[in-house]
Amino acid sequence: MSRMITNAMIEDFENYPRSDVKNVNTVEKYLRDVRPFCEFADS
């Protein structure tokens, strides 16, 4: 079974209502980490 993180999934996560997240900085850090990882995984 193949699992992929798509750009659409990252954008959905980024647009998830921030009021449901306790720390907005945590979301920003996740996004900073996952984008380069996805680029690495695609290469």
Protein backbone atom coordinates (compact mmCIF):
# COMPACT_ATOMS: atom_id res chain seq x y z
CA MET A 1 0.00 0.00 0.00
CA SER A 2 1.47 3.31 -1.09
CA ARG A 3 1.12 6.45 1.01
CA MET A 4 1.72 9.89 -0.37
CA ILE A 5 1.57 13.41 0.98
CA THR A 6 0.31 15.66 -1.78
CA ASN A 7 0.54 19.43 -2.08
CA ALA A 8 -3.24 19.52 -1.73
CA MET A 9 -2.99 17.70 1.60
CA ILE A 10 -0.40 20.17 2.85
CA GLU A 11 -2.60 23.08 1.77
CA ASP A 12 -5.61 21.53 3.51
CA PHE A 13 -3.56 21.22 6.69
CA GLU A 14 -2.33 24.80 6.34
CA ASN A 15 -5.90 26.06 5.91
CA TYR A 16 -7.27 24.04 8.81
CA PRO A 17 -8.96 26.43 11.25
CA ARG A 18 -6.27 27.73 13.57
CA SER A 19 -8.77 28.15 16.41
CA ASP A 20 -8.71 24.37 16.80
CA VAL A 21 -4.95 24.33 17.28
CA LYS A 22 -3.47 25.20 20.63
CA ASN A 23 -0.24 26.59 19.24
CA VAL A 24 -0.14 28.22 15.81
CA ASN A 25 3.66 28.15 15.88
CA THR A 26 3.53 24.35 16.02
CA VAL A 27 1.51 24.26 12.79
CA GLU A 28 3.97 26.62 11.11
CA LYS A 29 6.88 24.41 12.18
CA TYR A 30 5.16 21.28 10.87
CA LEU A 31 4.67 23.00 7.52
CA ARG A 32 8.32 24.13 7.40
CA ASP A 33 9.41 20.56 8.08
CA VAL A 34 7.03 18.65 5.84
CA ARG A 35 7.58 20.66 2.66
CA PRO A 36 11.32 19.93 2.34
CA PHE A 37 10.70 16.31 3.34
CA CYS A 38 8.17 15.93 0.52
CA GLU A 39 10.63 17.44 -1.95
CA PHE A 40 13.29 15.00 -0.75
CA ALA A 41 10.91 12.04 -1.01
CA ASP A 42 9.96 12.99 -4.58
CA SER A 43 13.58 13.06 -5.73
